Amino acid sequence: MFGKSASSGVEAMNCANKLARQKTAVDVLNGVILLMKLEAERFQRYKNLALEREDTLTDKGLKLMEQCFTDVQVRDYQITVTPIEYGHRATVSKCGKIHSGDSSNGDI
């Protein structure tokens, strides 16, 4: 086959930390230090990308939010915000029938 094969993904993963694996052959401690530096650089890169975003949620987060709130009727809930020592506490509760927690009859 020409181009990419099933093993190309495995080969790419083998090359991912090639530099770190070369260092571990010489000295385990230096290999671990290099892995930590590589991970710190990756973390910083993605942190900067996240901070540069103007949207609150990512595309995946927006999709999940839409799935969660598709069938929710906003008028059936109320929100109560109370100040606490280091900020605020928001409590969301369903309006109407209060459930005692007894699920023996199947209704919750």
N, C-alpha and C. Protein backbone atom coordinates (compact mmCIF):
# COMPACT_ATOMS: atom_id res chain seq x y z
N MET A 1 0.84 -1.19 0.00
CA MET A 1 0.00 0.00 0.00
C MET A 1 0.89 1.24 0.00
N PHE A 2 0.38 2.25 -0.69
CA PHE A 2 1.08 3.52 -0.70
C PHE A 2 0.45 4.45 0.32
N GLY A 3 1.22 5.37 0.83
CA GLY A 3 0.68 6.33 1.79
C GLY A 3 0.66 5.78 3.19
N LYS A 4 -0.44 6.02 3.88
CA LYS A 4 -0.52 5.66 5.29
C LYS A 4 -1.10 4.26 5.45
N SER A 5 -0.57 3.56 6.41
CA SER A 5 -1.09 2.23 6.72
C SER A 5 -1.51 2.21 8.18
N ALA A 6 -2.02 1.09 8.62
CA ALA A 6 -2.48 0.98 10.01
C ALA A 6 -1.33 1.17 10.99
N SER A 7 -0.13 0.83 10.56
CA SER A 7 1.01 0.95 11.48
C SER A 7 1.57 2.37 11.52
N SER A 8 1.11 3.25 10.65
CA SER A 8 1.69 4.60 10.64
C SER A 8 1.39 5.34 11.93
N GLY A 9 0.21 5.08 12.54
CA GLY A 9 -0.10 5.71 13.83
C GLY A 9 0.83 5.24 14.92
N VAL A 10 1.14 3.95 14.91
CA VAL A 10 2.07 3.39 15.90
C VAL A 10 3.45 3.98 15.70
N GLU A 11 3.86 4.09 14.43
CA GLU A 11 5.18 4.66 14.15
C GLU A 11 5.26 6.11 14.60
N ALA A 12 4.16 6.84 14.43
CA ALA A 12 4.14 8.24 14.87
C ALA A 12 4.27 8.32 16.38
N MET A 13 3.61 7.42 17.10
CA MET A 13 3.72 7.42 18.56
C MET A 13 5.13 7.04 19.00
N ASN A 14 5.77 6.14 18.26
CA ASN A 14 7.14 5.77 18.60
C ASN A 14 8.09 6.94 18.44
N CYS A 15 7.80 7.83 17.50
CA CYS A 15 8.67 8.98 17.25
C CYS A 15 8.33 10.17 18.16
N ALA A 16 7.22 10.10 18.87
CA ALA A 16 6.75 11.25 19.64
C ALA A 16 7.77 11.72 20.66
N ASN A 17 8.32 10.83 21.43
CA ASN A 17 9.28 11.21 22.46
C ASN A 17 10.65 10.58 22.19
N LYS A 18 11.03 10.60 20.93
CA LYS A 18 12.29 9.97 20.52
C LYS A 18 13.48 10.60 21.25
N LEU A 19 13.46 11.92 21.36
CA LEU A 19 14.54 12.62 22.04
C LEU A 19 14.65 12.17 23.49
N ALA A 20 13.51 12.05 24.16
CA ALA A 20 13.52 11.63 25.56
C ALA A 20 14.03 10.19 25.68
N ARG A 21 13.63 9.33 24.76
CA ARG A 21 14.09 7.93 24.84
C ARG A 21 15.57 7.82 24.56
N GLN A 22 16.10 8.69 23.71
CA GLN A 22 17.55 8.69 23.48
C GLN A 22 18.29 9.06 24.76
N LYS A 23 17.74 10.01 25.50
CA LYS A 23 18.38 10.45 26.74
C LYS A 23 18.29 9.36 27.81
N THR A 24 17.18 8.60 27.84
CA THR A 24 17.06 7.57 28.88
C THR A 24 18.08 6.46 28.68
N ALA A 25 18.52 6.27 27.44
CA ALA A 25 19.54 5.26 27.20
C ALA A 25 20.85 5.65 27.87
N VAL A 26 21.08 6.93 28.04
CA VAL A 26 22.32 7.42 28.66
C VAL A 26 22.14 7.56 30.16
N ASP A 27 21.08 8.22 30.57
CA ASP A 27 20.89 8.50 31.98
C ASP A 27 19.39 8.63 32.26
N VAL A 28 18.88 7.82 33.17
CA VAL A 28 17.45 7.80 33.48
C VAL A 28 17.00 9.15 34.04
N LEU A 29 17.76 9.74 34.93
CA LEU A 29 17.38 11.01 35.54
C LEU A 29 17.27 12.12 34.49
N ASN A 30 18.24 12.19 33.59
CA ASN A 30 18.17 13.21 32.53
C ASN A 30 16.97 12.95 31.61
N GLY A 31 16.64 11.70 31.38
CA GLY A 31 15.47 11.36 30.57
C GLY A 31 14.19 11.84 31.21
N VAL A 32 14.08 11.65 32.53
CA VAL A 32 12.89 12.10 33.25
C VAL A 32 12.80 13.62 33.25
N ILE A 33 13.92 14.28 33.45
CA ILE A 33 13.93 15.74 33.42
C ILE A 33 13.50 16.25 32.05
N LEU A 34 14.00 15.63 31.00
CA LEU A 34 13.62 16.03 29.65
C LEU A 34 12.13 15.80 29.40
N LEU A 35 11.60 14.66 29.86
CA LEU A 35 10.17 14.39 29.71
C LEU A 35 9.33 15.45 30.44
N MET A 36 9.78 15.85 31.63
CA MET A 36 9.06 16.88 32.38
C MET A 36 9.10 18.22 31.63
N LYS A 37 10.24 18.55 31.05
CA LYS A 37 10.34 19.80 30.28
C LYS A 37 9.43 19.76 29.06
N LEU A 38 9.42 18.62 28.35
CA LEU A 38 8.55 18.49 27.18
C LEU A 38 7.08 18.61 27.58
N GLU A 39 6.70 17.99 28.68
CA GLU A 39 5.32 18.06 29.15
C GLU A 39 4.97 19.48 29.59
N ALA A 40 5.90 20.16 30.24
CA ALA A 40 5.65 21.55 30.67
C ALA A 40 5.47 22.47 29.46
N GLU A 41 6.26 22.26 28.42
CA GLU A 41 6.12 23.06 27.21
C GLU A 41 4.77 22.80 26.54
N ARG A 42 4.36 21.53 26.48
CA ARG A 42 3.07 21.18 25.90
C ARG A 42 1.93 21.80 26.70
N PHE A 43 2.03 21.71 28.02
CA PHE A 43 1.01 22.29 28.89
C PHE A 43 0.91 23.79 28.69
N GLN A 44 2.05 24.47 28.65
CA GLN A 44 2.07 25.92 28.47
C GLN A 44 1.48 26.32 27.12
N ARG A 45 1.80 25.55 26.09
CA ARG A 45 1.28 25.84 24.75
C ARG A 45 -0.25 25.76 24.75
N TYR A 46 -0.80 24.69 25.33
CA TYR A 46 -2.26 24.54 25.36
C TYR A 46 -2.92 25.52 26.32
N LYS A 47 -2.22 25.89 27.38
CA LYS A 47 -2.75 26.90 28.30
C LYS A 47 -2.87 28.25 27.60
N ASN A 48 -1.85 28.61 26.84
CA ASN A 48 -1.89 29.86 26.09
C ASN A 48 -3.00 29.85 25.05
N LEU A 49 -3.18 28.71 24.37
CA LEU A 49 -4.27 28.61 23.40
C LEU A 49 -5.62 28.77 24.08
N ALA A 50 -5.77 28.19 25.26
CA ALA A 50 -7.04 28.29 25.99
C ALA A 50 -7.29 29.73 26.44
N LEU A 51 -6.26 30.41 26.90
CA LEU A 51 -6.44 31.78 27.38
C LEU A 51 -6.71 32.76 26.24
N GLU A 52 -6.27 32.42 25.02
CA GLU A 52 -6.50 33.29 23.88
C GLU A 52 -7.92 33.19 23.34
N ARG A 53 -8.64 32.14 23.72
CA ARG A 53 -10.01 31.94 23.22
C ARG A 53 -10.93 33.04 23.75
N GLU A 54 -11.83 33.49 22.91
CA GLU A 54 -12.82 34.47 23.34
C GLU A 54 -14.08 33.79 23.84
N ASP A 55 -14.36 32.58 23.34
CA ASP A 55 -15.54 31.84 23.78
C ASP A 55 -15.28 31.21 25.14
N THR A 56 -16.36 31.07 25.92
CA THR A 56 -16.23 30.46 27.23
C THR A 56 -16.01 28.96 27.12
N LEU A 57 -16.73 28.32 26.20
CA LEU A 57 -16.64 26.87 26.03
C LEU A 57 -15.99 26.53 24.69
N THR A 58 -15.38 25.36 24.66
CA THR A 58 -14.84 24.85 23.40
C THR A 58 -16.00 24.31 22.56
N ASP A 59 -15.69 23.91 21.35
CA ASP A 59 -16.73 23.34 20.49
C ASP A 59 -17.34 22.09 21.12
N LYS A 60 -16.51 21.25 21.70
CA LYS A 60 -17.01 20.04 22.35
C LYS A 60 -17.85 20.41 23.57
N GLY A 61 -17.42 21.41 24.33
CA GLY A 61 -18.18 21.86 25.49
C GLY A 61 -19.55 22.41 25.10
N LEU A 62 -19.60 23.15 24.00
CA LEU A 62 -20.88 23.68 23.52
C LEU A 62 -21.81 22.55 23.11
N LYS A 63 -21.25 21.53 22.44
CA LYS A 63 -22.05 20.39 22.02
C LYS A 63 -22.62 19.64 23.23
N LEU A 64 -21.77 19.44 24.24
CA LEU A 64 -22.23 18.76 25.47
C LEU A 64 -23.30 19.58 26.19
N MET A 65 -23.11 20.90 26.24
CA MET A 65 -24.10 21.76 26.89
C MET A 65 -25.45 21.67 26.18
N GLU A 66 -25.41 21.70 24.85
CA GLU A 66 -26.65 21.61 24.09
C GLU A 66 -27.35 20.29 24.34
N GLN A 67 -26.60 19.20 24.42
CA GLN A 67 -27.19 17.89 24.69
C GLN A 67 -27.82 17.85 26.09
N CYS A 68 -27.15 18.46 27.05
CA CYS A 68 -27.64 18.43 28.44
C CYS A 68 -28.92 19.25 28.61
N PHE A 69 -29.02 20.37 27.92
CA PHE A 69 -30.13 21.29 28.16
C PHE A 69 -31.20 21.26 27.06
N THR A 70 -31.16 20.27 26.19
CA THR A 70 -32.13 20.21 25.10
C THR A 70 -33.56 20.14 25.60
N ASP A 71 -33.86 19.27 26.56
CA ASP A 71 -35.22 19.06 27.03
C ASP A 71 -35.53 19.78 28.34
N VAL A 72 -34.69 20.69 28.76
CA VAL A 72 -34.90 21.40 30.03
C VAL A 72 -35.82 22.60 29.80
N GLN A 73 -36.86 22.69 30.62
CA GLN A 73 -37.75 23.84 30.59
C GLN A 73 -37.29 24.80 31.69
N VAL A 74 -36.73 25.92 31.30
CA VAL A 74 -36.12 26.86 32.24
C VAL A 74 -37.13 27.36 33.27
N ARG A 75 -38.38 27.54 32.87
CA ARG A 75 -39.39 28.08 33.79
C ARG A 75 -39.73 27.10 34.92
N ASP A 76 -39.30 25.85 34.83
CA ASP A 76 -39.57 24.86 35.88
C ASP A 76 -38.55 24.93 37.01
N TYR A 77 -37.56 25.79 36.91
CA TYR A 77 -36.48 25.86 37.91
C TYR A 77 -36.34 27.28 38.43
N GLN A 78 -35.80 27.37 39.64
CA GLN A 78 -35.49 28.69 40.20
C GLN A 78 -34.06 28.65 40.73
N ILE A 79 -33.41 29.79 40.71
CA ILE A 79 -32.03 29.88 41.19
C ILE A 79 -31.99 30.87 42.35
N THR A 80 -31.29 30.47 43.40
CA THR A 80 -31.12 31.32 44.57
C THR A 80 -29.63 31.57 44.76
N VAL A 81 -29.24 32.82 44.80
CA VAL A 81 -27.84 33.17 44.99
C VAL A 81 -27.69 33.77 46.38
N THR A 82 -26.82 33.18 47.19
CA THR A 82 -26.57 33.68 48.54
C THR A 82 -25.08 33.98 48.70
N PRO A 83 -24.76 35.10 49.34
CA PRO A 83 -23.34 35.41 49.58
C PRO A 83 -22.77 34.48 50.66
N ILE A 84 -21.55 34.03 50.43
CA ILE A 84 -20.83 33.24 51.44
C ILE A 84 -19.50 33.93 51.70
N GLU A 85 -18.69 33.35 52.54
CA GLU A 85 -17.46 34.01 52.99
C GLU A 85 -16.54 34.42 51.85
N TYR A 86 -16.34 33.55 50.88
CA TYR A 86 -15.37 33.84 49.81
C TYR A 86 -16.02 33.96 48.44
N GLY A 87 -17.29 34.35 48.35
CA GLY A 87 -17.94 34.48 47.06
C GLY A 87 -19.44 34.34 47.18
N HIS A 88 -20.01 33.57 46.30
CA HIS A 88 -21.45 33.36 46.28
C HIS A 88 -21.76 31.88 46.07
N ARG A 89 -22.90 31.45 46.56
CA ARG A 89 -23.36 30.08 46.34
C ARG A 89 -24.66 30.17 45.55
N ALA A 90 -24.71 29.51 44.40
CA ALA A 90 -25.91 29.48 43.58
C ALA A 90 -26.56 28.11 43.76
N THR A 91 -27.84 28.11 44.13
CA THR A 91 -28.59 26.88 44.32
C THR A 91 -29.73 26.85 43.32
N VAL A 92 -29.78 25.79 42.53
CA VAL A 92 -30.85 25.63 41.55
C VAL A 92 -31.80 24.56 42.08
N SER A 93 -33.07 24.89 42.10
CA SER A 93 -34.07 23.91 42.56
C SER A 93 -35.25 23.91 41.61
N LYS A 94 -35.93 22.78 41.57
CA LYS A 94 -37.08 22.63 40.69
C LYS A 94 -38.31 23.21 41.38
N CYS A 95 -39.06 24.00 40.68
CA CYS A 95 -40.28 24.59 41.22
C CYS A 95 -41.38 23.53 41.28
N GLY A 96 -42.28 23.70 42.21
CA GLY A 96 -43.42 22.80 42.25
C GLY A 96 -43.25 21.72 43.29
N LYS A 97 -43.55 20.48 42.91
CA LYS A 97 -43.58 19.35 43.83
C LYS A 97 -42.20 19.08 44.42
N ILE A 98 -42.13 18.98 45.76
CA ILE A 98 -40.89 18.68 46.45
C ILE A 98 -40.86 17.18 46.72
N HIS A 99 -39.77 16.55 46.37
CA HIS A 99 -39.63 15.11 46.55
C HIS A 99 -38.93 14.82 47.86
N SER A 100 -39.47 13.85 48.60
CA SER A 100 -38.90 13.51 49.90
C SER A 100 -37.73 12.57 49.80
N GLY A 101 -37.49 12.04 48.61
CA GLY A 101 -36.38 11.11 48.45
C GLY A 101 -36.83 9.67 48.52
N ASP A 102 -38.11 9.41 48.81
CA ASP A 102 -38.64 8.05 48.86
C ASP A 102 -38.94 7.60 47.45
N SER A 103 -38.18 6.64 46.95
CA SER A 103 -38.37 6.18 45.59
C SER A 103 -39.04 4.81 45.54
N SER A 104 -39.71 4.42 46.63
CA SER A 104 -40.32 3.10 46.66
C SER A 104 -41.48 2.97 45.70
N ASN A 105 -42.14 4.08 45.38
CA ASN A 105 -43.25 4.01 44.43
C ASN A 105 -42.80 4.25 42.99
N GLY A 106 -41.51 4.42 42.79
CA GLY A 106 -40.99 4.60 41.45
C GLY A 106 -40.95 6.03 40.98
N ASP A 107 -41.58 6.95 41.70
CA ASP A 107 -41.56 8.37 41.31
C ASP A 107 -40.43 9.08 42.02
N ILE A 108 -39.72 9.85 41.27
CA ILE A 108 -38.65 10.67 41.86
C ILE A 108 -38.79 12.07 41.37
